[in-house]
């Protein structure tokens, strides 16, 4: 089993290239071991790589949340709650149906996510503005209430 360790230089933490190099070496070694022990098919390797990638994303998300709490505001209050997520671009990962090859693309699409849903804003191939909206269950319930449709269950216990 490969163990990954980084020695922290408490005097000079500005060695970013060394950190990146160590992490790249770790990833290369891990993927090589994965290929050496699971040579059956590209599909199997692809599935394992995707599982590792998911683990990586989950692990880093947990650490980012901890770091946000630790190094963020000293006083936890309502303003620290995450009520929307915004970005000027998105990264899309595609697995080709025919070849199984993985492609990653950074796209100039504005991303906005709230409890009401998800809004993607960009341009069509002709350069015209375009939006795609994915409504959450919360938003759909609000829209139904505004349209007078109300909830699907009786409010007063009346079943008729």
N, C-alpha and C. Protein backbone atom coordinates (compact mmCIF):
# COMPACT_ATOMS: atom_id res chain seq x y z
N UNK A 1 0.84 -1.18 0.00
CA UNK A 1 0.00 0.00 0.00
C UNK A 1 0.88 1.24 0.00
N UNK A 2 0.49 2.23 -0.75
CA UNK A 2 1.24 3.46 -0.88
C UNK A 2 0.73 4.46 0.15
N UNK A 3 1.62 5.00 0.91
CA UNK A 3 1.24 6.03 1.88
C UNK A 3 1.73 7.37 1.38
N UNK A 4 0.89 8.35 1.52
CA UNK A 4 1.19 9.69 1.03
C UNK A 4 1.46 10.58 2.23
N UNK A 5 2.61 11.22 2.23
CA UNK A 5 2.91 12.13 3.33
C UNK A 5 3.58 13.37 2.78
N UNK A 6 3.22 14.48 3.35
CA UNK A 6 3.84 15.75 3.01
C UNK A 6 4.49 16.30 4.26
N UNK A 7 5.71 16.73 4.12
CA UNK A 7 6.39 17.34 5.25
C UNK A 7 6.14 18.83 5.19
N UNK A 8 5.61 19.36 6.26
CA UNK A 8 5.25 20.76 6.29
C UNK A 8 6.45 21.58 6.74
N UNK A 9 6.79 22.56 5.93
CA UNK A 9 7.86 23.49 6.26
C UNK A 9 7.21 24.66 6.99
N UNK A 10 7.32 24.68 8.31
CA UNK A 10 6.65 25.71 9.09
C UNK A 10 7.30 27.07 8.94
N UNK A 11 8.54 27.12 8.49
CA UNK A 11 9.22 28.40 8.31
C UNK A 11 8.81 29.04 6.99
N UNK A 12 8.71 28.24 5.93
CA UNK A 12 8.43 28.79 4.62
C UNK A 12 7.39 27.93 3.91
N UNK A 13 6.13 28.35 3.96
CA UNK A 13 5.06 27.59 3.30
C UNK A 13 4.81 28.07 1.88
N UNK A 14 5.75 28.76 1.27
CA UNK A 14 5.54 29.29 -0.07
C UNK A 14 6.09 28.37 -1.15
N UNK A 15 6.33 27.11 -0.83
CA UNK A 15 6.87 26.16 -1.81
C UNK A 15 5.73 25.49 -2.57
N UNK A 16 4.89 26.30 -3.22
CA UNK A 16 3.74 25.75 -3.93
C UNK A 16 4.13 24.74 -4.99
N UNK A 17 5.20 24.99 -5.71
CA UNK A 17 5.59 24.06 -6.78
C UNK A 17 5.98 22.70 -6.20
N UNK A 18 6.58 22.69 -5.01
CA UNK A 18 6.94 21.41 -4.38
C UNK A 18 5.68 20.65 -3.96
N UNK A 19 4.69 21.36 -3.42
CA UNK A 19 3.43 20.71 -3.03
C UNK A 19 2.76 20.12 -4.26
N UNK A 20 2.72 20.90 -5.33
CA UNK A 20 2.08 20.43 -6.57
C UNK A 20 2.82 19.23 -7.13
N UNK A 21 4.13 19.27 -7.09
CA UNK A 21 4.94 18.16 -7.60
C UNK A 21 4.70 16.89 -6.77
N UNK A 22 4.66 17.04 -5.44
CA UNK A 22 4.42 15.88 -4.58
C UNK A 22 3.03 15.30 -4.82
N UNK A 23 2.05 16.17 -4.99
CA UNK A 23 0.69 15.69 -5.22
C UNK A 23 0.59 15.00 -6.59
N UNK A 24 1.22 15.58 -7.60
CA UNK A 24 1.23 14.97 -8.93
C UNK A 24 1.90 13.60 -8.89
N UNK A 25 3.02 13.50 -8.18
CA UNK A 25 3.72 12.22 -8.04
C UNK A 25 2.83 11.20 -7.34
N UNK A 26 2.16 11.62 -6.28
CA UNK A 26 1.24 10.74 -5.57
C UNK A 26 0.14 10.23 -6.50
N UNK A 27 -0.48 11.14 -7.26
CA UNK A 27 -1.55 10.74 -8.17
C UNK A 27 -1.04 9.79 -9.24
N UNK A 28 0.13 10.09 -9.81
CA UNK A 28 0.70 9.20 -10.83
C UNK A 28 0.97 7.82 -10.26
N UNK A 29 1.54 7.76 -9.07
CA UNK A 29 1.84 6.47 -8.43
C UNK A 29 0.55 5.69 -8.14
N UNK A 30 -0.46 6.38 -7.63
CA UNK A 30 -1.73 5.74 -7.31
C UNK A 30 -2.40 5.19 -8.57
N UNK A 31 -2.42 5.96 -9.64
CA UNK A 31 -3.05 5.51 -10.88
C UNK A 31 -2.25 4.37 -11.52
N UNK A 32 -0.93 4.40 -11.38
CA UNK A 32 -0.10 3.30 -11.90
C UNK A 32 -0.42 2.01 -11.15
N UNK A 33 -0.52 2.10 -9.82
CA UNK A 33 -0.87 0.92 -9.03
C UNK A 33 -2.26 0.41 -9.41
N UNK A 34 -3.17 1.33 -9.65
CA UNK A 34 -4.51 0.96 -10.06
C UNK A 34 -4.46 0.18 -11.37
N UNK A 35 -3.69 0.66 -12.33
CA UNK A 35 -3.57 -0.02 -13.63
C UNK A 35 -2.86 -1.36 -13.49
N UNK A 36 -1.85 -1.42 -12.63
CA UNK A 36 -1.10 -2.67 -12.46
C UNK A 36 -1.96 -3.78 -11.84
N UNK A 37 -2.89 -3.42 -10.98
CA UNK A 37 -3.69 -4.42 -10.28
C UNK A 37 -5.06 -4.67 -10.91
N UNK A 38 -5.45 -3.86 -11.88
CA UNK A 38 -6.77 -4.01 -12.51
C UNK A 38 -6.62 -3.88 -14.02
N UNK A 39 -5.94 -4.82 -14.64
CA UNK A 39 -5.64 -4.73 -16.06
C UNK A 39 -6.72 -5.33 -16.95
N UNK A 40 -7.84 -5.76 -16.41
CA UNK A 40 -8.84 -6.48 -17.19
C UNK A 40 -9.34 -5.67 -18.38
N UNK A 41 -9.75 -4.43 -18.13
CA UNK A 41 -10.31 -3.64 -19.23
C UNK A 41 -10.20 -2.15 -18.93
N UNK A 42 -10.27 -1.38 -20.00
CA UNK A 42 -10.27 0.07 -19.86
C UNK A 42 -11.52 0.51 -19.09
N UNK A 43 -12.64 -0.14 -19.36
CA UNK A 43 -13.88 0.21 -18.67
C UNK A 43 -13.77 0.06 -17.17
N UNK A 44 -13.12 -1.03 -16.73
CA UNK A 44 -12.93 -1.24 -15.29
C UNK A 44 -12.02 -0.17 -14.70
N UNK A 45 -10.94 0.15 -15.42
CA UNK A 45 -10.04 1.20 -14.95
C UNK A 45 -10.75 2.55 -14.91
N UNK A 46 -11.57 2.82 -15.90
CA UNK A 46 -12.31 4.07 -15.94
C UNK A 46 -13.26 4.18 -14.76
N UNK A 47 -13.96 3.09 -14.45
CA UNK A 47 -14.87 3.07 -13.31
C UNK A 47 -14.11 3.32 -12.01
N UNK A 48 -12.97 2.66 -11.84
CA UNK A 48 -12.17 2.85 -10.62
C UNK A 48 -11.64 4.28 -10.53
N UNK A 49 -11.21 4.84 -11.66
CA UNK A 49 -10.72 6.22 -11.67
C UNK A 49 -11.84 7.17 -11.27
N UNK A 50 -13.05 6.93 -11.77
CA UNK A 50 -14.18 7.78 -11.41
C UNK A 50 -14.51 7.67 -9.93
N UNK A 51 -14.40 6.47 -9.38
CA UNK A 51 -14.63 6.29 -7.94
C UNK A 51 -13.58 7.05 -7.14
N UNK A 52 -12.31 6.97 -7.57
CA UNK A 52 -11.25 7.72 -6.89
C UNK A 52 -11.50 9.22 -6.99
N UNK A 53 -11.94 9.66 -8.16
CA UNK A 53 -12.21 11.09 -8.36
C UNK A 53 -13.34 11.55 -7.44
N UNK A 54 -14.38 10.73 -7.30
CA UNK A 54 -15.49 11.06 -6.40
C UNK A 54 -15.01 11.14 -4.96
N UNK A 55 -14.17 10.19 -4.56
CA UNK A 55 -13.60 10.21 -3.20
C UNK A 55 -12.78 11.48 -3.00
N UNK A 56 -11.96 11.83 -4.01
CA UNK A 56 -11.15 13.05 -3.94
C UNK A 56 -12.06 14.28 -3.76
N UNK A 57 -13.11 14.39 -4.57
CA UNK A 57 -14.00 15.55 -4.48
C UNK A 57 -14.70 15.61 -3.13
N UNK A 58 -15.17 14.47 -2.63
CA UNK A 58 -15.83 14.44 -1.32
C UNK A 58 -14.87 14.84 -0.20
N UNK A 59 -13.65 14.30 -0.27
CA UNK A 59 -12.66 14.59 0.77
C UNK A 59 -12.26 16.06 0.76
N UNK A 60 -11.99 16.61 -0.42
CA UNK A 60 -11.59 18.01 -0.48
C UNK A 60 -12.75 18.92 -0.08
N UNK A 61 -13.98 18.55 -0.43
CA UNK A 61 -15.14 19.36 -0.03
C UNK A 61 -15.25 19.43 1.49
N UNK A 62 -15.03 18.29 2.16
CA UNK A 62 -15.08 18.28 3.62
C UNK A 62 -14.00 19.17 4.22
N UNK A 63 -12.79 19.10 3.65
CA UNK A 63 -11.70 19.93 4.17
C UNK A 63 -11.95 21.41 3.88
N UNK A 64 -12.47 21.73 2.71
CA UNK A 64 -12.77 23.12 2.40
C UNK A 64 -13.82 23.67 3.36
N UNK A 65 -14.81 22.86 3.69
CA UNK A 65 -15.83 23.28 4.64
C UNK A 65 -15.21 23.53 6.02
N UNK A 66 -14.33 22.62 6.45
CA UNK A 66 -13.65 22.79 7.74
C UNK A 66 -12.78 24.05 7.73
N UNK A 67 -12.05 24.25 6.64
CA UNK A 67 -11.19 25.44 6.54
C UNK A 67 -12.02 26.71 6.52
N UNK A 68 -13.16 26.66 5.86
CA UNK A 68 -14.05 27.81 5.82
C UNK A 68 -14.51 28.17 7.22
N UNK A 69 -14.88 27.15 8.00
CA UNK A 69 -15.32 27.39 9.37
C UNK A 69 -14.16 27.87 10.24
N UNK A 70 -12.98 27.29 10.04
CA UNK A 70 -11.84 27.62 10.88
C UNK A 70 -11.26 28.99 10.55
N UNK A 71 -11.12 29.30 9.27
CA UNK A 71 -10.44 30.53 8.87
C UNK A 71 -11.40 31.62 8.41
N UNK A 72 -12.69 31.32 8.40
CA UNK A 72 -13.67 32.31 7.99
C UNK A 72 -13.90 33.31 9.11
N UNK A 73 -15.10 33.79 9.20
CA UNK A 73 -15.46 34.77 10.21
C UNK A 73 -15.31 34.17 11.61
N UNK A 74 -14.88 34.99 12.54
CA UNK A 74 -14.71 34.54 13.92
C UNK A 74 -16.05 34.34 14.63
N UNK A 75 -17.08 35.03 14.15
CA UNK A 75 -18.38 34.93 14.79
C UNK A 75 -19.37 34.27 13.83
N UNK A 76 -19.81 33.07 14.16
CA UNK A 76 -20.79 32.42 13.29
C UNK A 76 -22.13 33.16 13.38
N UNK A 77 -22.62 33.65 12.26
CA UNK A 77 -23.90 34.33 12.22
C UNK A 77 -24.62 33.98 10.92
N UNK A 78 -25.78 34.58 10.74
CA UNK A 78 -26.59 34.28 9.56
C UNK A 78 -25.87 34.60 8.26
N UNK A 79 -24.99 35.61 8.25
CA UNK A 79 -24.32 36.01 7.01
C UNK A 79 -23.32 34.97 6.53
N UNK A 80 -22.92 34.04 7.39
CA UNK A 80 -21.97 33.00 6.98
C UNK A 80 -22.65 31.80 6.33
N UNK A 81 -23.99 31.73 6.38
CA UNK A 81 -24.69 30.61 5.78
C UNK A 81 -24.62 30.72 4.26
N UNK A 82 -24.40 29.62 3.61
CA UNK A 82 -24.31 29.58 2.17
C UNK A 82 -25.72 29.50 1.60
N UNK A 83 -26.18 30.61 0.98
CA UNK A 83 -27.52 30.59 0.42
C UNK A 83 -27.52 30.62 -1.10
N UNK A 84 -26.34 30.82 -1.70
CA UNK A 84 -26.25 30.70 -3.14
C UNK A 84 -24.82 30.38 -3.55
N UNK A 85 -24.72 29.72 -4.68
CA UNK A 85 -23.42 29.36 -5.25
C UNK A 85 -23.36 30.01 -6.62
N UNK A 86 -22.28 30.75 -6.89
CA UNK A 86 -22.14 31.44 -8.18
C UNK A 86 -20.77 31.17 -8.78
N UNK A 87 -20.73 31.11 -10.11
CA UNK A 87 -19.46 30.96 -10.82
C UNK A 87 -19.60 31.54 -12.22
N UNK A 88 -18.47 32.02 -12.77
CA UNK A 88 -18.46 32.58 -14.12
C UNK A 88 -18.18 31.53 -15.19
N UNK A 89 -17.81 30.33 -14.76
CA UNK A 89 -17.58 29.25 -15.72
C UNK A 89 -17.86 27.93 -15.02
N UNK A 90 -18.07 26.90 -15.83
CA UNK A 90 -18.31 25.56 -15.29
C UNK A 90 -17.37 24.59 -15.98
N UNK A 91 -17.09 23.49 -15.31
CA UNK A 91 -16.29 22.42 -15.89
C UNK A 91 -17.21 21.23 -16.10
N UNK A 92 -17.23 20.75 -17.32
CA UNK A 92 -18.07 19.61 -17.67
C UNK A 92 -17.17 18.42 -17.96
N UNK A 93 -17.51 17.28 -17.38
CA UNK A 93 -16.76 16.06 -17.63
C UNK A 93 -17.67 15.10 -18.39
N UNK A 94 -17.19 14.67 -19.55
CA UNK A 94 -17.98 13.83 -20.44
C UNK A 94 -17.28 12.50 -20.65
N UNK A 95 -18.05 11.41 -20.63
CA UNK A 95 -17.53 10.10 -20.98
C UNK A 95 -18.19 9.70 -22.30
N UNK A 96 -17.40 9.61 -23.35
CA UNK A 96 -17.91 9.28 -24.67
C UNK A 96 -18.52 7.88 -24.67
N UNK A 97 -19.74 7.76 -25.18
CA UNK A 97 -20.44 6.47 -25.20
C UNK A 97 -19.74 5.43 -26.07
N UNK A 98 -19.12 5.86 -27.14
CA UNK A 98 -18.51 4.91 -28.08
C UNK A 98 -17.14 4.43 -27.65
N UNK A 99 -16.32 5.35 -27.13
CA UNK A 99 -14.93 4.99 -26.82
C UNK A 99 -14.66 4.83 -25.34
N UNK A 100 -15.52 5.40 -24.49
CA UNK A 100 -15.27 5.37 -23.05
C UNK A 100 -14.23 6.39 -22.62
N UNK A 101 -13.77 7.20 -23.56
CA UNK A 101 -12.77 8.22 -23.22
C UNK A 101 -13.41 9.36 -22.43
N UNK A 102 -12.63 9.94 -21.54
CA UNK A 102 -13.11 11.02 -20.68
C UNK A 102 -12.58 12.35 -21.21
N UNK A 103 -13.47 13.31 -21.31
CA UNK A 103 -13.11 14.66 -21.75
C UNK A 103 -13.59 15.65 -20.71
N UNK A 104 -12.74 16.64 -20.41
CA UNK A 104 -13.10 17.73 -19.49
C UNK A 104 -13.04 19.03 -20.27
N UNK A 105 -14.07 19.83 -20.12
CA UNK A 105 -14.13 21.11 -20.80
C UNK A 105 -14.52 22.19 -19.80
N UNK A 106 -13.79 23.30 -19.86
CA UNK A 106 -14.17 24.48 -19.09
C UNK A 106 -15.01 25.34 -20.03
N UNK A 107 -16.23 25.65 -19.62
CA UNK A 107 -17.16 26.37 -20.48
C UNK A 107 -17.51 27.72 -19.88
N UNK A 108 -17.63 28.76 -20.74
CA UNK A 108 -17.99 30.10 -20.25
C UNK A 108 -19.49 30.22 -20.00
N UNK A 109 -19.96 29.49 -19.02
CA UNK A 109 -21.38 29.49 -18.67
C UNK A 109 -21.49 30.02 -17.24
N UNK A 110 -22.32 31.04 -17.06
CA UNK A 110 -22.56 31.54 -15.71
C UNK A 110 -23.46 30.56 -14.97
N UNK A 111 -23.12 30.30 -13.71
CA UNK A 111 -23.79 29.30 -12.89
C UNK A 111 -24.33 30.00 -11.65
N UNK A 112 -25.60 29.83 -11.37
CA UNK A 112 -26.21 30.36 -10.14
C UNK A 112 -27.12 29.29 -9.56
N UNK A 113 -26.85 28.92 -8.31
CA UNK A 113 -27.65 27.91 -7.62
C UNK A 113 -28.15 28.49 -6.30
N UNK A 114 -29.45 28.40 -6.09
CA UNK A 114 -30.07 28.79 -4.82
C UNK A 114 -31.03 27.68 -4.41
N UNK A 115 -31.75 27.90 -3.31
CA UNK A 115 -32.71 26.88 -2.91
C UNK A 115 -33.88 26.79 -3.89
N UNK A 116 -34.00 27.78 -4.78
CA UNK A 116 -35.05 27.74 -5.81
C UNK A 116 -34.68 26.89 -7.00
N UNK A 117 -33.38 26.62 -7.16
CA UNK A 117 -32.95 25.80 -8.29
C UNK A 117 -31.62 26.25 -8.85
N UNK A 118 -31.46 25.96 -10.12
CA UNK A 118 -30.18 26.18 -10.80
C UNK A 118 -30.43 26.96 -12.08
N UNK A 119 -29.61 28.00 -12.33
CA UNK A 119 -29.71 28.82 -13.53
C UNK A 119 -28.37 28.80 -14.25
N UNK A 120 -28.40 28.36 -15.50
CA UNK A 120 -27.21 28.37 -16.35
C UNK A 120 -27.44 29.42 -17.43
N UNK A 121 -26.50 30.37 -17.58
CA UNK A 121 -26.63 31.44 -18.55
C UNK A 121 -25.40 31.45 -19.45
N UNK A 122 -25.64 31.51 -20.74
CA UNK A 122 -24.54 31.54 -21.70
C UNK A 122 -25.03 32.07 -23.02
N UNK A 123 -24.40 31.62 -24.09
CA UNK A 123 -24.78 32.04 -25.43
C UNK A 123 -25.00 30.82 -26.31
N UNK A 124 -25.89 30.99 -27.29
CA UNK A 124 -26.07 29.94 -28.29
C UNK A 124 -24.88 29.98 -29.25
N UNK A 125 -24.83 29.03 -30.15
CA UNK A 125 -23.74 29.00 -31.13
C UNK A 125 -23.79 30.23 -32.05
N UNK A 126 -24.96 30.87 -32.15
CA UNK A 126 -25.09 32.08 -32.96
C UNK A 126 -24.73 33.33 -32.17
N UNK A 127 -24.43 33.19 -30.88
CA UNK A 127 -24.06 34.33 -30.05
C UNK A 127 -25.22 34.99 -29.34
N UNK A 128 -26.40 34.40 -29.39
CA UNK A 128 -27.57 34.95 -28.71
C UNK A 128 -27.59 34.49 -27.26
N UNK A 129 -28.06 35.37 -26.35
CA UNK A 129 -28.13 34.97 -24.94
C UNK A 129 -29.10 33.80 -24.75
N UNK A 130 -28.77 32.94 -23.81
CA UNK A 130 -29.59 31.76 -23.56
C UNK A 130 -29.52 31.40 -22.08
N UNK A 131 -30.64 30.87 -21.56
CA UNK A 131 -30.68 30.43 -20.17
C UNK A 131 -31.35 29.07 -20.08
N UNK A 132 -30.87 28.26 -19.16
CA UNK A 132 -31.51 27.00 -18.82
C UNK A 132 -31.77 27.04 -17.32
N UNK A 133 -33.01 26.74 -16.94
CA UNK A 133 -33.39 26.79 -15.53
C UNK A 133 -33.86 25.40 -15.09
N UNK A 134 -33.33 24.96 -13.96
CA UNK A 134 -33.78 23.72 -13.32
C UNK A 134 -34.38 24.12 -11.98
N UNK A 135 -35.69 23.97 -11.84
CA UNK A 135 -36.36 24.38 -10.61
C UNK A 135 -36.29 23.27 -9.56
N UNK A 136 -36.10 23.69 -8.31
CA UNK A 136 -36.12 22.74 -7.20
C UNK A 136 -37.56 22.43 -6.82
N UNK A 137 -37.75 21.41 -6.01
CA UNK A 137 -39.09 21.08 -5.52
C UNK A 137 -39.68 22.26 -4.75
N UNK A 138 -38.83 22.98 -4.00
CA UNK A 138 -39.28 24.15 -3.25
C UNK A 138 -39.85 25.19 -4.20
N UNK A 139 -39.14 25.47 -5.29
CA UNK A 139 -39.60 26.47 -6.26
C UNK A 139 -40.88 26.02 -6.96
N UNK A 140 -40.97 24.75 -7.31
CA UNK A 140 -42.17 24.24 -7.98
C UNK A 140 -43.38 24.37 -7.06
N UNK A 141 -43.20 24.09 -5.79
CA UNK A 141 -44.28 24.25 -4.81
C UNK A 141 -44.72 25.70 -4.73
N UNK A 142 -43.76 26.64 -4.71
CA UNK A 142 -44.09 28.08 -4.67
C UNK A 142 -44.87 28.49 -5.92
N UNK A 143 -44.42 28.03 -7.10
CA UNK A 143 -45.10 28.36 -8.35
C UNK A 143 -46.52 27.81 -8.34
N UNK A 144 -46.69 26.57 -7.92
CA UNK A 144 -48.03 25.98 -7.84
C UNK A 144 -48.93 26.78 -6.90
N UNK A 145 -48.40 27.23 -5.77
CA UNK A 145 -49.18 28.03 -4.83
C UNK A 145 -49.58 29.36 -5.46
N UNK A 146 -48.64 30.00 -6.20
CA UNK A 146 -48.94 31.28 -6.85
C UNK A 146 -50.00 31.12 -7.95
N UNK A 147 -50.00 29.97 -8.61
CA UNK A 147 -50.98 29.71 -9.67
C UNK A 147 -52.32 29.22 -9.12
N UNK A 148 -52.42 29.08 -7.81
CA UNK A 148 -53.65 28.64 -7.19
C UNK A 148 -53.84 27.14 -7.18
N UNK A 149 -52.83 26.41 -7.57
CA UNK A 149 -52.94 24.95 -7.58
C UNK A 149 -52.82 24.38 -6.18
N UNK A 150 -52.08 25.05 -5.33
CA UNK A 150 -51.94 24.61 -3.95
C UNK A 150 -51.23 23.28 -3.82
N UNK A 151 -51.10 22.82 -2.59
CA UNK A 151 -50.43 21.54 -2.36
C UNK A 151 -51.31 20.37 -2.81
N UNK A 152 -50.72 19.24 -2.99
CA UNK A 152 -51.44 18.05 -3.43
C UNK A 152 -52.17 17.35 -2.30
N UNK A 153 -52.02 17.82 -1.07
CA UNK A 153 -52.68 17.20 0.07
C UNK A 153 -53.66 18.20 0.69
N UNK A 154 -54.74 17.71 1.25
CA UNK A 154 -55.70 18.62 1.89
C UNK A 154 -55.06 19.35 3.07
N UNK A 155 -55.44 20.62 3.25
CA UNK A 155 -54.83 21.42 4.31
C UNK A 155 -55.50 21.21 5.67
N UNK A 156 -56.77 20.91 5.67
CA UNK A 156 -57.50 20.83 6.94
C UNK A 156 -57.90 19.41 7.30
N UNK A 157 -57.27 18.45 6.72
CA UNK A 157 -57.61 17.08 7.03
C UNK A 157 -58.85 16.60 6.28
N UNK A 158 -59.42 17.47 5.43
CA UNK A 158 -60.60 17.10 4.64
C UNK A 158 -60.15 16.21 3.48
N UNK A 159 -60.71 15.04 3.39
CA UNK A 159 -60.30 14.10 2.34
C UNK A 159 -61.24 14.13 1.15
N UNK A 160 -62.27 14.97 1.17
CA UNK A 160 -63.21 14.98 0.05
C UNK A 160 -62.86 16.02 -0.97
